[in-house]
C-alpha cells in the first residue's frame, strides 16, 4: 500500500515538472530532464522531512 502511494507521488511530481517545462516551450529533452529532476528532488525532500535515511 505504501509503495503504491510512493509511486503515485513520484509520478505526480514528474508530471508536474513535465507540464511546467512544456509550458515554457522546452524541447523533449528539456521536458524529460526537468521531470526527472523534479521527481527525484521531490522524493529526496520527502525522505529528509520524514527522517528516512539513507535516501533511496
C-alpha atoms as a PDB file:
ATOM      1  CA  UNK A   1       0.000   0.000   0.000  1.00  0.00           C
ATOM      2  CA  UNK A   2       2.741   2.482   0.934  1.00  0.00           C
ATOM      3  CA  UNK A   3       4.762   1.515  -2.123  1.00  0.00           C
ATOM      4  CA  UNK A   4       1.778   2.313  -4.331  1.00  0.00           C
ATOM      5  CA  UNK A   5       1.350   5.733  -2.689  1.00  0.00           C
ATOM      6  CA  UNK A   6       5.070   6.392  -3.104  1.00  0.00           C
ATOM      7  CA  UNK A   7       4.907   5.564  -6.822  1.00  0.00           C
ATOM      8  CA  UNK A   8       1.825   7.740  -7.295  1.00  0.00           C
ATOM      9  CA  UNK A   9       3.580  10.657  -5.576  1.00  0.00           C
ATOM     10  CA  UNK A  10       6.697  10.318  -7.745  1.00  0.00           C
ATOM     11  CA  UNK A  11       4.551  10.124 -10.875  1.00  0.00           C
ATOM     12  CA  UNK A  12       2.635  13.246  -9.872  1.00  0.00           C
ATOM     13  CA  UNK A  13       5.885  15.120  -9.225  1.00  0.00           C
ATOM     14  CA  UNK A  14       7.287  14.066 -12.607  1.00  0.00           C
ATOM     15  CA  UNK A  15       4.084  15.099 -14.373  1.00  0.00           C
ATOM     16  CA  UNK A  16       4.172  18.499 -12.671  1.00  0.00           C
ATOM     17  CA  UNK A  17       7.752  19.069 -13.809  1.00  0.00           C
ATOM     18  CA  UNK A  18       6.994  17.913 -17.350  1.00  0.00           C
ATOM     19  CA  UNK A  19       3.936  20.157 -17.626  1.00  0.00           C
ATOM     20  CA  UNK A  20       5.754  23.263 -16.446  1.00  0.00           C
ATOM     21  CA  UNK A  21       8.706  22.548 -18.765  1.00  0.00           C
ATOM     22  CA  UNK A  22       6.316  22.027 -21.675  1.00  0.00           C
ATOM     23  CA  UNK A  23       4.544  25.294 -20.936  1.00  0.00           C
ATOM     24  CA  UNK A  24       7.876  27.099 -21.119  1.00  0.00           C
ATOM     25  CA  UNK A  25       8.409  25.733 -24.630  1.00  0.00           C
ATOM     26  CA  UNK A  26      11.285  23.349 -23.908  1.00  0.00           C
ATOM     27  CA  UNK A  27      12.084  20.527 -26.306  1.00  0.00           C
ATOM     28  CA  UNK A  28      11.508  16.867 -25.359  1.00  0.00           C
ATOM     29  CA  UNK A  29      14.956  16.513 -23.759  1.00  0.00           C
ATOM     30  CA  UNK A  30      14.339  19.504 -21.508  1.00  0.00           C
ATOM     31  CA  UNK A  31      10.912  18.187 -20.544  1.00  0.00           C
ATOM     32  CA  UNK A  32      12.313  14.762 -19.626  1.00  0.00           C
ATOM     33  CA  UNK A  33      15.239  16.285 -17.735  1.00  0.00           C
ATOM     34  CA  UNK A  34      13.053  18.645 -15.699  1.00  0.00           C
ATOM     35  CA  UNK A  35      10.568  15.826 -14.994  1.00  0.00           C
ATOM     36  CA  UNK A  36      13.339  13.557 -13.676  1.00  0.00           C
ATOM     37  CA  UNK A  37      14.924  16.270 -11.557  1.00  0.00           C
ATOM     38  CA  UNK A  38      11.547  17.226 -10.093  1.00  0.00           C
ATOM     39  CA  UNK A  39      10.605  13.620  -9.294  1.00  0.00           C
ATOM     40  CA  UNK A  40      13.954  12.727  -7.722  1.00  0.00           C
ATOM     41  CA  UNK A  41      14.256  16.023  -5.868  1.00  0.00           C
ATOM     42  CA  UNK A  42      10.725  15.826  -4.505  1.00  0.00           C
ATOM     43  CA  UNK A  43      11.242  12.273  -3.299  1.00  0.00           C
ATOM     44  CA  UNK A  44      14.511  13.233  -1.616  1.00  0.00           C
ATOM     45  CA  UNK A  45      12.932  16.216   0.137  1.00  0.00           C
ATOM     46  CA  UNK A  46      10.119  13.970   1.357  1.00  0.00           C
ATOM     47  CA  UNK A  47      12.629  11.452   2.744  1.00  0.00           C
ATOM     48  CA  UNK A  48      14.559  14.190   4.562  1.00  0.00           C
ATOM     49  CA  UNK A  49      11.402  15.672   6.068  1.00  0.00           C
ATOM     50  CA  UNK A  50      10.215  12.341   7.460  1.00  0.00           C
ATOM     51  CA  UNK A  51      13.730  11.393   8.609  1.00  0.00           C
ATOM     52  CA  UNK A  52      14.129   8.347   6.367  1.00  0.00           C
ATOM     53  CA  UNK A  53      17.853   7.713   5.834  1.00  0.00           C
ATOM     54  CA  UNK A  54      19.670   6.713   3.652  1.00  0.00           C
ATOM     55  CA  UNK A  55      17.941   8.445   0.785  1.00  0.00           C
ATOM     56  CA  UNK A  56      16.670   5.975  -1.793  1.00  0.00           C
END
